[in-house]
Amino acid sequence: LNTLAVRAGLKYFGTAVGEGQVNDATYRAIVNNKNEFGSLVPENGQKWQGTEPSRGSFSFGNADIVPNIAKANGQILR
């Protein structure tokens, strides 16, 4: 889809990525395919409950998942 979108003059075609599903091989293969998705958006990992699960306790592990995937694949992060 990304390849077709770019050919049609769009900047990219993207998708939201569920951090909890990236360990599924089929899901990950589709997300990693830049021909399908030129942009990735974290589904919930960078939201408040994902970065501060309890007051004063911060965790950025899930927040880093999608940016790391996008960087490794040369995809845009939104």
N, C-alpha and C. Protein backbone atom coordinates (compact mmCIF):
# COMPACT_ATOMS: atom_id res chain seq x y z
N LEU A 1 0.81 -1.20 0.00
CA LEU A 1 0.00 0.00 0.00
C LEU A 1 0.85 1.27 0.00
N ASN A 2 1.96 1.25 0.73
CA ASN A 2 2.83 2.42 0.75
C ASN A 2 3.40 2.71 -0.63
N THR A 3 3.81 1.67 -1.32
CA THR A 3 4.37 1.85 -2.67
C THR A 3 3.34 2.51 -3.59
N LEU A 4 2.09 2.04 -3.53
CA LEU A 4 1.03 2.62 -4.36
C LEU A 4 0.72 4.06 -3.95
N ALA A 5 0.73 4.33 -2.66
CA ALA A 5 0.46 5.69 -2.17
C ALA A 5 1.52 6.66 -2.65
N VAL A 6 2.78 6.26 -2.56
CA VAL A 6 3.88 7.12 -3.01
C VAL A 6 3.78 7.35 -4.52
N ARG A 7 3.47 6.29 -5.26
CA ARG A 7 3.31 6.42 -6.71
C ARG A 7 2.19 7.40 -7.07
N ALA A 8 1.17 7.45 -6.22
CA ALA A 8 0.03 8.34 -6.46
C ALA A 8 0.30 9.77 -5.99
N GLY A 9 1.51 10.00 -5.45
CA GLY A 9 1.88 11.35 -5.06
C GLY A 9 1.76 11.64 -3.57
N LEU A 10 1.36 10.66 -2.79
CA LEU A 10 1.29 10.86 -1.35
C LEU A 10 2.67 10.68 -0.73
N LYS A 11 2.86 11.23 0.45
CA LYS A 11 4.16 11.13 1.11
C LYS A 11 4.42 9.72 1.63
N TYR A 12 3.38 9.06 2.15
CA TYR A 12 3.50 7.71 2.69
C TYR A 12 2.11 7.17 3.01
N PHE A 13 2.06 5.88 3.30
CA PHE A 13 0.88 5.23 3.85
C PHE A 13 1.33 4.56 5.12
N GLY A 14 0.65 4.81 6.24
CA GLY A 14 1.12 4.30 7.52
C GLY A 14 0.09 3.50 8.27
N THR A 15 0.52 3.01 9.43
CA THR A 15 -0.36 2.23 10.30
C THR A 15 0.02 2.42 11.76
N ALA A 16 -0.95 2.19 12.64
CA ALA A 16 -0.68 2.14 14.08
C ALA A 16 -0.16 0.74 14.40
N VAL A 17 0.79 0.69 15.31
CA VAL A 17 1.40 -0.59 15.68
C VAL A 17 1.13 -0.87 17.15
N GLY A 18 0.53 -2.03 17.42
CA GLY A 18 0.29 -2.46 18.79
C GLY A 18 1.54 -3.09 19.37
N GLU A 19 2.08 -2.46 20.39
CA GLU A 19 3.34 -2.93 20.98
C GLU A 19 3.23 -4.37 21.49
N GLY A 20 2.05 -4.77 21.92
CA GLY A 20 1.86 -6.12 22.43
C GLY A 20 1.83 -7.19 21.36
N GLN A 21 1.71 -6.80 20.10
CA GLN A 21 1.63 -7.78 19.02
C GLN A 21 2.92 -7.93 18.22
N VAL A 22 3.92 -7.14 18.51
CA VAL A 22 5.12 -7.17 17.67
C VAL A 22 5.92 -8.46 17.80
N ASN A 23 5.62 -9.29 18.78
CA ASN A 23 6.31 -10.57 18.90
C ASN A 23 5.68 -11.65 18.02
N ASP A 24 4.51 -11.37 17.45
CA ASP A 24 3.88 -12.29 16.50
C ASP A 24 4.61 -12.16 15.17
N ALA A 25 5.17 -13.26 14.67
CA ALA A 25 6.03 -13.22 13.48
C ALA A 25 5.30 -12.68 12.25
N THR A 26 4.07 -13.08 12.04
CA THR A 26 3.32 -12.62 10.86
C THR A 26 3.05 -11.12 10.95
N TYR A 27 2.60 -10.68 12.11
CA TYR A 27 2.32 -9.26 12.34
C TYR A 27 3.59 -8.44 12.13
N ARG A 28 4.67 -8.89 12.72
CA ARG A 28 5.94 -8.16 12.63
C ARG A 28 6.44 -8.08 11.19
N ALA A 29 6.28 -9.17 10.43
CA ALA A 29 6.72 -9.16 9.03
C ALA A 29 5.95 -8.12 8.21
N ILE A 30 4.67 -7.99 8.48
CA ILE A 30 3.86 -7.00 7.76
C ILE A 30 4.27 -5.58 8.15
N VAL A 31 4.43 -5.35 9.45
CA VAL A 31 4.85 -4.02 9.94
C VAL A 31 6.22 -3.64 9.40
N ASN A 32 7.13 -4.61 9.32
CA ASN A 32 8.50 -4.36 8.85
C ASN A 32 8.58 -4.07 7.36
N ASN A 33 7.54 -4.38 6.60
CA ASN A 33 7.57 -4.26 5.15
C ASN A 33 7.31 -2.81 4.74
N LYS A 34 8.37 -2.12 4.36
CA LYS A 34 8.26 -0.70 3.98
C LYS A 34 7.42 -0.51 2.71
N ASN A 35 7.29 -1.56 1.89
CA ASN A 35 6.42 -1.46 0.72
C ASN A 35 4.95 -1.34 1.13
N GLU A 36 4.62 -1.87 2.30
CA GLU A 36 3.25 -1.79 2.82
C GLU A 36 3.02 -0.53 3.65
N PHE A 37 3.98 -0.21 4.54
CA PHE A 37 3.81 0.91 5.46
C PHE A 37 5.07 1.76 5.52
N GLY A 38 4.96 3.01 5.09
CA GLY A 38 6.10 3.92 5.13
C GLY A 38 6.17 4.71 6.42
N SER A 39 5.12 4.60 7.24
CA SER A 39 5.06 5.33 8.50
C SER A 39 4.43 4.44 9.58
N LEU A 40 4.98 4.52 10.79
CA LEU A 40 4.44 3.78 11.92
C LEU A 40 4.07 4.74 13.04
N VAL A 41 2.98 4.42 13.72
CA VAL A 41 2.49 5.21 14.85
C VAL A 41 2.35 4.27 16.05
N PRO A 42 2.95 4.59 17.18
CA PRO A 42 2.75 3.75 18.37
C PRO A 42 1.28 3.77 18.79
N GLU A 43 0.73 2.59 19.02
CA GLU A 43 -0.68 2.51 19.38
C GLU A 43 -0.93 3.03 20.80
N ASN A 44 -0.23 2.52 21.79
CA ASN A 44 -0.46 2.94 23.17
C ASN A 44 0.82 3.12 23.99
N GLY A 45 1.93 2.66 23.50
CA GLY A 45 3.17 2.64 24.28
C GLY A 45 3.69 4.00 24.71
N GLN A 46 3.30 5.06 23.99
CA GLN A 46 3.79 6.38 24.35
C GLN A 46 2.72 7.23 25.04
N LYS A 47 1.60 6.61 25.35
CA LYS A 47 0.56 7.31 26.10
C LYS A 47 0.90 7.28 27.58
N TRP A 48 0.21 8.10 28.33
CA TRP A 48 0.49 8.28 29.75
C TRP A 48 0.52 6.95 30.49
N GLN A 49 -0.50 6.11 30.31
CA GLN A 49 -0.55 4.84 31.04
C GLN A 49 0.57 3.89 30.62
N GLY A 50 1.12 4.10 29.44
CA GLY A 50 2.23 3.27 28.98
C GLY A 50 3.57 3.70 29.53
N THR A 51 3.71 4.98 29.82
CA THR A 51 5.00 5.49 30.30
C THR A 51 5.05 5.71 31.81
N GLU A 52 3.87 5.87 32.43
CA GLU A 52 3.81 6.02 33.89
C GLU A 52 2.67 5.15 34.42
N PRO A 53 2.91 3.82 34.47
CA PRO A 53 1.84 2.90 34.87
C PRO A 53 1.33 3.14 36.29
N SER A 54 2.16 3.65 37.16
CA SER A 54 1.72 4.08 38.48
C SER A 54 2.43 5.39 38.81
N ARG A 55 1.79 6.20 39.61
CA ARG A 55 2.28 7.55 39.89
C ARG A 55 3.74 7.53 40.35
N GLY A 56 4.57 8.29 39.63
CA GLY A 56 5.98 8.42 39.96
C GLY A 56 6.85 7.27 39.51
N SER A 57 6.26 6.27 38.87
CA SER A 57 7.01 5.10 38.39
C SER A 57 6.99 5.12 36.86
N PHE A 58 8.13 5.46 36.27
CA PHE A 58 8.21 5.61 34.82
C PHE A 58 8.87 4.40 34.17
N SER A 59 8.35 4.04 33.00
CA SER A 59 8.91 2.94 32.22
C SER A 59 8.77 3.31 30.75
N PHE A 60 9.88 3.30 30.03
CA PHE A 60 9.84 3.69 28.63
C PHE A 60 10.12 2.52 27.68
N GLY A 61 10.12 1.31 28.21
CA GLY A 61 10.36 0.13 27.38
C GLY A 61 9.37 0.00 26.24
N ASN A 62 8.07 0.09 26.53
CA ASN A 62 7.06 0.00 25.48
C ASN A 62 7.08 1.22 24.58
N ALA A 63 7.46 2.37 25.12
CA ALA A 63 7.51 3.60 24.32
C ALA A 63 8.58 3.53 23.25
N ASP A 64 9.60 2.73 23.48
CA ASP A 64 10.72 2.63 22.53
C ASP A 64 10.52 1.57 21.46
N ILE A 65 9.55 0.68 21.61
CA ILE A 65 9.38 -0.44 20.67
C ILE A 65 9.15 0.04 19.25
N VAL A 66 8.12 0.83 19.02
CA VAL A 66 7.78 1.25 17.66
C VAL A 66 8.83 2.18 17.06
N PRO A 67 9.37 3.16 17.80
CA PRO A 67 10.44 3.97 17.23
C PRO A 67 11.65 3.13 16.79
N ASN A 68 11.98 2.11 17.55
CA ASN A 68 13.11 1.25 17.18
C ASN A 68 12.81 0.47 15.90
N ILE A 69 11.59 -0.01 15.76
CA ILE A 69 11.20 -0.73 14.54
C ILE A 69 11.26 0.21 13.34
N ALA A 70 10.67 1.41 13.48
CA ALA A 70 10.66 2.37 12.38
C ALA A 70 12.08 2.76 11.97
N LYS A 71 12.93 3.00 12.94
CA LYS A 71 14.32 3.38 12.64
C LYS A 71 15.04 2.25 11.91
N ALA A 72 14.87 1.03 12.37
CA ALA A 72 15.54 -0.12 11.74
C ALA A 72 15.09 -0.33 10.30
N ASN A 73 13.84 0.03 10.00
CA ASN A 73 13.29 -0.20 8.66
C ASN A 73 13.32 1.03 7.76
N GLY A 74 13.80 2.16 8.27
CA GLY A 74 13.79 3.38 7.47
C GLY A 74 12.39 3.93 7.25
N GLN A 75 11.50 3.70 8.22
CA GLN A 75 10.13 4.19 8.13
C GLN A 75 10.01 5.49 8.94
N ILE A 76 9.02 6.29 8.59
CA ILE A 76 8.74 7.53 9.30
C ILE A 76 8.02 7.17 10.60
N LEU A 77 8.35 7.85 11.67
CA LEU A 77 7.65 7.68 12.94
C LEU A 77 6.74 8.88 13.16
N ARG A 78 5.49 8.62 13.48
CA ARG A 78 4.55 9.71 13.79
C ARG A 78 4.09 9.58 15.20
